[in-house]
Amino acid sequence: MEALIDACAAAGFRQMIGYIDAANVASLAIHDNFGFRRVGFMPQVGYKFGRWTDTVMVQRTLGPGATEAPEL
């Protein structure tokens, strides 16, 4: 995960966003440990294994994020 975050920052990306099954406690914990914040909750938007699932949206700022205007 650290290598992916570093590669995205080096490529000039400002934000990383992920969508995780709300029941996937391990994945949510990993993202928490890497500095992602939980920014959204979408109830019953996925369907797998015969049931509807909720999704958590996570976000992590990279580099200057939204503190500086992008280069045009």
PDB file of N, CA and C in Angstrom:
ATOM      1  N   MET A   1       0.820  -1.188   0.000  1.00  0.00           N
ATOM      2  CA  MET A   1       0.000   0.000   0.000  1.00  0.00           C
ATOM      3  C   MET A   1       0.868   1.258   0.000  1.00  0.00           C
ATOM      4  N   GLU A   2       1.941   1.228   0.793  1.00  0.00           N
ATOM      5  CA  GLU A   2       2.826   2.391   0.863  1.00  0.00           C
ATOM      6  C   GLU A   2       3.435   2.702  -0.503  1.00  0.00           C
ATOM      7  N   ALA A   3       3.839   1.671  -1.229  1.00  0.00           N
ATOM      8  CA  ALA A   3       4.424   1.881  -2.559  1.00  0.00           C
ATOM      9  C   ALA A   3       3.392   2.481  -3.520  1.00  0.00           C
ATOM     10  N   LEU A   4       2.148   2.051  -3.432  1.00  0.00           N
ATOM     11  CA  LEU A   4       1.087   2.595  -4.282  1.00  0.00           C
ATOM     12  C   LEU A   4       0.837   4.063  -3.950  1.00  0.00           C
ATOM     13  N   ILE A   5       0.772   4.387  -2.683  1.00  0.00           N
ATOM     14  CA  ILE A   5       0.574   5.775  -2.252  1.00  0.00           C
ATOM     15  C   ILE A   5       1.724   6.642  -2.759  1.00  0.00           C
ATOM     16  N   ASP A   6       2.954   6.176  -2.579  1.00  0.00           N
ATOM     17  CA  ASP A   6       4.128   6.926  -3.027  1.00  0.00           C
ATOM     18  C   ASP A   6       4.123   7.112  -4.547  1.00  0.00           C
ATOM     19  N   ALA A   7       3.755   6.081  -5.293  1.00  0.00           N
ATOM     20  CA  ALA A   7       3.721   6.169  -6.756  1.00  0.00           C
ATOM     21  C   ALA A   7       2.662   7.174  -7.221  1.00  0.00           C
ATOM     22  N   CYS A   8       1.515   7.174  -6.575  1.00  0.00           N
ATOM     23  CA  CYS A   8       0.457   8.123  -6.941  1.00  0.00           C
ATOM     24  C   CYS A   8       0.881   9.557  -6.644  1.00  0.00           C
ATOM     25  N   ALA A   9       1.521   9.765  -5.505  1.00  0.00           N
ATOM     26  CA  ALA A   9       2.010  11.101  -5.152  1.00  0.00           C
ATOM     27  C   ALA A   9       3.085  11.551  -6.138  1.00  0.00           C
ATOM     28  N   ALA A  10       4.000  10.655  -6.494  1.00  0.00           N
ATOM     29  CA  ALA A  10       5.072  10.987  -7.437  1.00  0.00           C
ATOM     30  C   ALA A  10       4.523  11.307  -8.822  1.00  0.00           C
ATOM     31  N   ALA A  11       3.393  10.718  -9.170  1.00  0.00           N
ATOM     32  CA  ALA A  11       2.774  10.964 -10.474  1.00  0.00           C
ATOM     33  C   ALA A  11       1.974  12.272 -10.488  1.00  0.00           C
ATOM     34  N   GLY A  12       1.889  12.931  -9.335  1.00  0.00           N
ATOM     35  CA  GLY A  12       1.209  14.217  -9.279  1.00  0.00           C
ATOM     36  C   GLY A  12      -0.242  14.176  -8.857  1.00  0.00           C
ATOM     37  N   PHE A  13      -0.725  13.004  -8.482  1.00  0.00           N
ATOM     38  CA  PHE A  13      -2.109  12.914  -8.019  1.00  0.00           C
ATOM     39  C   PHE A  13      -2.241  13.633  -6.680  1.00  0.00           C
ATOM     40  N   ARG A  14      -3.400  14.217  -6.435  1.00  0.00           N
ATOM     41  CA  ARG A  14      -3.636  14.983  -5.218  1.00  0.00           C
ATOM     42  C   ARG A  14      -4.477  14.238  -4.189  1.00  0.00           C
ATOM     43  N   GLN A  15      -5.254  13.261  -4.623  1.00  0.00           N
ATOM     44  CA  GLN A  15      -6.151  12.531  -3.732  1.00  0.00           C
ATOM     45  C   GLN A  15      -6.196  11.063  -4.152  1.00  0.00           C
ATOM     46  N   MET A  16      -6.385  10.202  -3.181  1.00  0.00           N
ATOM     47  CA  MET A  16      -6.690   8.795  -3.455  1.00  0.00           C
ATOM     48  C   MET A  16      -8.057   8.526  -2.840  1.00  0.00           C
ATOM     49  N   ILE A  17      -8.892   7.808  -3.569  1.00  0.00           N
ATOM     50  CA  ILE A  17     -10.239   7.496  -3.109  1.00  0.00           C
ATOM     51  C   ILE A  17     -10.466   6.002  -3.264  1.00  0.00           C
ATOM     52  N   GLY A  18     -11.096   5.405  -2.280  1.00  0.00           N
ATOM     53  CA  GLY A  18     -11.402   3.980  -2.336  1.00  0.00           C
ATOM     54  C   GLY A  18     -12.814   3.709  -1.863  1.00  0.00           C
ATOM     55  N   TYR A  19     -13.357   2.619  -2.340  1.00  0.00           N
ATOM     56  CA  TYR A  19     -14.682   2.158  -1.928  1.00  0.00           C
ATOM     57  C   TYR A  19     -14.522   0.758  -1.363  1.00  0.00           C
ATOM     58  N   ILE A  20     -14.947   0.553  -0.115  1.00  0.00           N
ATOM     59  CA  ILE A  20     -14.713  -0.700   0.592  1.00  0.00           C
ATOM     60  C   ILE A  20     -16.026  -1.218   1.144  1.00  0.00           C
ATOM     61  N   ASP A  21     -16.227  -2.526   1.017  1.00  0.00           N
ATOM     62  CA  ASP A  21     -17.394  -3.162   1.620  1.00  0.00           C
ATOM     63  C   ASP A  21     -17.378  -2.861   3.117  1.00  0.00           C
ATOM     64  N   ALA A  22     -18.475  -2.337   3.638  1.00  0.00           N
ATOM     65  CA  ALA A  22     -18.529  -1.936   5.046  1.00  0.00           C
ATOM     66  C   ALA A  22     -18.294  -3.097   6.001  1.00  0.00           C
ATOM     67  N   ALA A  23     -18.548  -4.315   5.550  1.00  0.00           N
ATOM     68  CA  ALA A  23     -18.337  -5.483   6.406  1.00  0.00           C
ATOM     69  C   ALA A  23     -16.877  -5.944   6.412  1.00  0.00           C
ATOM     70  N   ASN A  24     -16.044  -5.369   5.540  1.00  0.00           N
ATOM     71  CA  ASN A  24     -14.642  -5.777   5.435  1.00  0.00           C
ATOM     72  C   ASN A  24     -13.809  -4.991   6.452  1.00  0.00           C
ATOM     73  N   VAL A  25     -13.905  -5.405   7.692  1.00  0.00           N
ATOM     74  CA  VAL A  25     -13.255  -4.715   8.808  1.00  0.00           C
ATOM     75  C   VAL A  25     -11.737  -4.660   8.617  1.00  0.00           C
ATOM     76  N   ALA A  26     -11.155  -5.719   8.120  1.00  0.00           N
ATOM     77  CA  ALA A  26      -9.694  -5.756   7.936  1.00  0.00           C
ATOM     78  C   ALA A  26      -9.247  -4.710   6.918  1.00  0.00           C
ATOM     79  N   SER A  27      -9.941  -4.604   5.801  1.00  0.00           N
ATOM     80  CA  SER A  27      -9.568  -3.626   4.781  1.00  0.00           C
ATOM     81  C   SER A  27      -9.760  -2.204   5.287  1.00  0.00           C
ATOM     82  N   LEU A  28     -10.837  -1.961   6.004  1.00  0.00           N
ATOM     83  CA  LEU A  28     -11.047  -0.633   6.585  1.00  0.00           C
ATOM     84  C   LEU A  28      -9.925  -0.280   7.563  1.00  0.00           C
ATOM     85  N   ALA A  29      -9.497  -1.235   8.368  1.00  0.00           N
ATOM     86  CA  ALA A  29      -8.414  -0.997   9.325  1.00  0.00           C
ATOM     87  C   ALA A  29      -7.098  -0.692   8.612  1.00  0.00           C
ATOM     88  N   ILE A  30      -6.803  -1.419   7.544  1.00  0.00           N
ATOM     89  CA  ILE A  30      -5.573  -1.167   6.782  1.00  0.00           C
ATOM     90  C   ILE A  30      -5.587   0.253   6.226  1.00  0.00           C
ATOM     91  N   HIS A  31      -6.716   0.639   5.632  1.00  0.00           N
ATOM     92  CA  HIS A  31      -6.808   1.987   5.084  1.00  0.00           C
ATOM     93  C   HIS A  31      -6.697   3.040   6.182  1.00  0.00           C
ATOM     94  N   ASP A  32      -7.314   2.792   7.325  1.00  0.00           N
ATOM     95  CA  ASP A  32      -7.164   3.707   8.469  1.00  0.00           C
ATOM     96  C   ASP A  32      -5.695   3.866   8.829  1.00  0.00           C
ATOM     97  N   ASN A  33      -4.962   2.762   8.885  1.00  0.00           N
ATOM     98  CA  ASN A  33      -3.542   2.782   9.271  1.00  0.00           C
ATOM     99  C   ASN A  33      -2.674   3.534   8.271  1.00  0.00           C
ATOM    100  N   PHE A  34      -3.127   3.632   7.017  1.00  0.00           N
ATOM    101  CA  PHE A  34      -2.363   4.341   5.992  1.00  0.00           C
ATOM    102  C   PHE A  34      -2.867   5.767   5.781  1.00  0.00           C
ATOM    103  N   GLY A  35      -3.647   6.274   6.731  1.00  0.00           N
ATOM    104  CA  GLY A  35      -4.028   7.679   6.701  1.00  0.00           C
ATOM    105  C   GLY A  35      -5.266   8.017   5.899  1.00  0.00           C
ATOM    106  N   PHE A  36      -6.024   7.016   5.492  1.00  0.00           N
ATOM    107  CA  PHE A  36      -7.273   7.303   4.793  1.00  0.00           C
ATOM    108  C   PHE A  36      -8.337   7.697   5.819  1.00  0.00           C
ATOM    109  N   ARG A  37      -9.216   8.632   5.432  1.00  0.00           N
ATOM    110  CA  ARG A  37     -10.335   9.031   6.281  1.00  0.00           C
ATOM    111  C   ARG A  37     -11.619   8.481   5.679  1.00  0.00           C
ATOM    112  N   ARG A  38     -12.537   8.115   6.516  1.00  0.00           N
ATOM    113  CA  ARG A  38     -13.848   7.656   6.048  1.00  0.00           C
ATOM    114  C   ARG A  38     -14.695   8.893   5.765  1.00  0.00           C
ATOM    115  N   VAL A  39     -15.059   9.061   4.505  1.00  0.00           N
ATOM    116  CA  VAL A  39     -15.746  10.286   4.098  1.00  0.00           C
ATOM    117  C   VAL A  39     -17.157  10.055   3.575  1.00  0.00           C
ATOM    118  N   GLY A  40     -17.558   8.808   3.460  1.00  0.00           N
ATOM    119  CA  GLY A  40     -18.901   8.546   2.963  1.00  0.00           C
ATOM    120  C   GLY A  40     -19.375   7.149   3.293  1.00  0.00           C
ATOM    121  N   PHE A  41     -20.687   7.016   3.353  1.00  0.00           N
ATOM    122  CA  PHE A  41     -21.311   5.722   3.605  1.00  0.00           C
ATOM    123  C   PHE A  41     -22.498   5.591   2.658  1.00  0.00           C
ATOM    124  N   MET A  42     -22.506   4.512   1.895  1.00  0.00           N
ATOM    125  CA  MET A  42     -23.567   4.288   0.917  1.00  0.00           C
ATOM    126  C   MET A  42     -24.266   2.969   1.241  1.00  0.00           C
ATOM    127  N   PRO A  43     -25.463   3.048   1.787  1.00  0.00           N
ATOM    128  CA  PRO A  43     -26.161   1.821   2.176  1.00  0.00           C
ATOM    129  C   PRO A  43     -26.703   1.057   0.972  1.00  0.00           C
ATOM    130  N   GLN A  44     -26.537  -0.234   1.015  1.00  0.00           N
ATOM    131  CA  GLN A  44     -27.138  -1.180   0.074  1.00  0.00           C
ATOM    132  C   GLN A  44     -26.883  -0.840  -1.399  1.00  0.00           C
ATOM    133  N   VAL A  45     -25.628  -0.543  -1.734  1.00  0.00           N
ATOM    134  CA  VAL A  45     -25.294  -0.218  -3.122  1.00  0.00           C
ATOM    135  C   VAL A  45     -24.615  -1.378  -3.853  1.00  0.00           C
ATOM    136  N   GLY A  46     -24.232  -2.412  -3.124  1.00  0.00           N
ATOM    137  CA  GLY A  46     -23.612  -3.579  -3.746  1.00  0.00           C
ATOM    138  C   GLY A  46     -24.421  -4.824  -3.464  1.00  0.00           C
ATOM    139  N   TYR A  47     -24.243  -5.817  -4.318  1.00  0.00           N
ATOM    140  CA  TYR A  47     -24.940  -7.085  -4.112  1.00  0.00           C
ATOM    141  C   TYR A  47     -23.953  -8.205  -4.375  1.00  0.00           C
ATOM    142  N   LYS A  48     -23.660  -8.979  -3.334  1.00  0.00           N
ATOM    143  CA  LYS A  48     -22.771 -10.128  -3.513  1.00  0.00           C
ATOM    144  C   LYS A  48     -23.118 -11.193  -2.488  1.00  0.00           C
ATOM    145  N   PHE A  49     -22.848 -12.404  -2.862  1.00  0.00           N
ATOM    146  CA  PHE A  49     -23.117 -13.561  -2.006  1.00  0.00           C
ATOM    147  C   PHE A  49     -24.580 -13.601  -1.551  1.00  0.00           C
ATOM    148  N   GLY A  50     -25.483 -13.156  -2.430  1.00  0.00           N
ATOM    149  CA  GLY A  50     -26.908 -13.248  -2.165  1.00  0.00           C
ATOM    150  C   GLY A  50     -27.467 -12.215  -1.211  1.00  0.00           C
ATOM    151  N   ARG A  51     -26.707 -11.129  -0.988  1.00  0.00           N
ATOM    152  CA  ARG A  51     -27.227 -10.094  -0.093  1.00  0.00           C
ATOM    153  C   ARG A  51     -26.742  -8.714  -0.529  1.00  0.00           C
ATOM    154  N   TRP A  52     -27.475  -7.703  -0.121  1.00  0.00           N
ATOM    155  CA  TRP A  52     -27.079  -6.321  -0.377  1.00  0.00           C
ATOM    156  C   TRP A  52     -25.996  -5.917   0.613  1.00  0.00           C
ATOM    157  N   THR A  53     -25.044  -5.121   0.136  1.00  0.00           N
ATOM    158  CA  THR A  53     -23.932  -4.693   0.992  1.00  0.00           C
ATOM    159  C   THR A  53     -23.822  -3.172   1.012  1.00  0.00           C
ATOM    160  N   ASP A  54     -23.351  -2.670   2.132  1.00  0.00           N
ATOM    161  CA  ASP A  54     -23.068  -1.243   2.275  1.00  0.00           C
ATOM    162  C   ASP A  54     -21.623  -0.993   1.861  1.00  0.00           C
ATOM    163  N   THR A  55     -21.348   0.235   1.450  1.00  0.00           N
ATOM    164  CA  THR A  55     -20.008   0.603   1.014  1.00  0.00           C
ATOM    165  C   THR A  55     -19.542   1.839   1.766  1.00  0.00           C
ATOM    166  N   VAL A  56     -18.260   1.831   2.146  1.00  0.00           N
ATOM    167  CA  VAL A  56     -17.634   2.977   2.804  1.00  0.00           C
ATOM    168  C   VAL A  56     -16.666   3.609   1.802  1.00  0.00           C
ATOM    169  N   MET A  57     -16.764   4.932   1.661  1.00  0.00           N
ATOM    170  CA  MET A  57     -15.839   5.669   0.804  1.00  0.00           C
ATOM    171  C   MET A  57     -14.728   6.223   1.687  1.00  0.00           C
ATOM    172  N   VAL A  58     -13.471   6.005   1.278  1.00  0.00           N
ATOM    173  CA  VAL A  58     -12.319   6.512   2.017  1.00  0.00           C
ATOM    174  C   VAL A  58     -11.505   7.428   1.113  1.00  0.00           C
ATOM    175  N   GLN A  59     -10.786   8.379   1.733  1.00  0.00           N
ATOM    176  CA  GLN A  59     -10.012   9.349   0.964  1.00  0.00           C
ATOM    177  C   GLN A  59      -8.715   9.660   1.699  1.00  0.00           C
ATOM    178  N   ARG A  60      -7.658   9.865   0.903  1.00  0.00           N
ATOM    179  CA  ARG A  60      -6.356  10.256   1.479  1.00  0.00           C
ATOM    180  C   ARG A  60      -5.762  11.347   0.610  1.00  0.00           C
ATOM    181  N   THR A  61      -5.362  12.448   1.240  1.00  0.00           N
ATOM    182  CA  THR A  61      -4.722  13.545   0.525  1.00  0.00           C
ATOM    183  C   THR A  61      -3.277  13.179   0.230  1.00  0.00           C
ATOM    184  N   LEU A  62      -2.830  13.560  -0.953  1.00  0.00           N
ATOM    185  CA  LEU A  62      -1.441  13.335  -1.365  1.00  0.00           C
ATOM    186  C   LEU A  62      -0.775  14.680  -1.626  1.00  0.00           C
ATOM    187  N   GLY A  63       0.475  14.781  -1.306  1.00  0.00           N
ATOM    188  CA  GLY A  63       1.219  16.017  -1.583  1.00  0.00           C
ATOM    189  C   GLY A  63       0.483  17.233  -1.055  1.00  0.00           C
ATOM    190  N   PRO A  64       0.383  18.277  -1.882  1.00  0.00           N
ATOM    191  CA  PRO A  64      -0.282  19.491  -1.417  1.00  0.00           C
ATOM    192  C   PRO A  64      -1.803  19.370  -1.373  1.00  0.00           C
ATOM    193  N   GLY A  65      -2.338  18.289  -1.906  1.00  0.00           N
ATOM    194  CA  GLY A  65      -3.784  18.083  -1.852  1.00  0.00           C
ATOM    195  C   GLY A  65      -4.526  19.276  -2.396  1.00  0.00           C
ATOM    196  N   ALA A  66      -5.467  19.805  -1.602  1.00  0.00           N
ATOM    197  CA  ALA A  66      -6.280  20.940  -2.034  1.00  0.00           C
ATOM    198  C   ALA A  66      -5.763  22.263  -1.461  1.00  0.00           C
ATOM    199  N   THR A  67      -4.524  22.280  -0.957  1.00  0.00           N
ATOM    200  CA  THR A  67      -3.998  23.514  -0.356  1.00  0.00           C
ATOM    201  C   THR A  67      -3.372  24.443  -1.388  1.00  0.00           C
ATOM    202  N   GLU A  68      -3.097  23.935  -2.602  1.00  0.00           N
ATOM    203  CA  GLU A  68      -2.512  24.737  -3.656  1.00  0.00           C
ATOM    204  C   GLU A  68      -3.248  24.481  -4.960  1.00  0.00           C
ATOM    205  N   ALA A  69      -3.287  25.470  -5.795  1.00  0.00           N
ATOM    206  CA  ALA A  69      -3.907  25.295  -7.118  1.00  0.00           C
ATOM    207  C   ALA A  69      -3.061  24.348  -7.956  1.00  0.00           C
ATOM    208  N   PRO A  70      -3.692  23.546  -8.830  1.00  0.00           N
ATOM    209  CA  PRO A  70      -2.910  22.662  -9.693  1.00  0.00           C
ATOM    210  C   PRO A  70      -2.166  23.460 -10.763  1.00  0.00           C
ATOM    211  N   GLU A  71      -1.078  22.898 -11.233  1.00  0.00           N
ATOM    212  CA  GLU A  71      -0.355  23.520 -12.340  1.00  0.00           C
ATOM    213  C   GLU A  71      -1.137  23.300 -13.617  1.00  0.00           C
ATOM    214  N   LEU A  72      -1.284  24.338 -14.406  1.00  0.00           N
ATOM    215  CA  LEU A  72      -2.031  24.225 -15.674  1.00  0.00           C
ATOM    216  C   LEU A  72      -1.136  24.246 -16.853  1.00  0.00           C
TER     217      LEU A  72
END
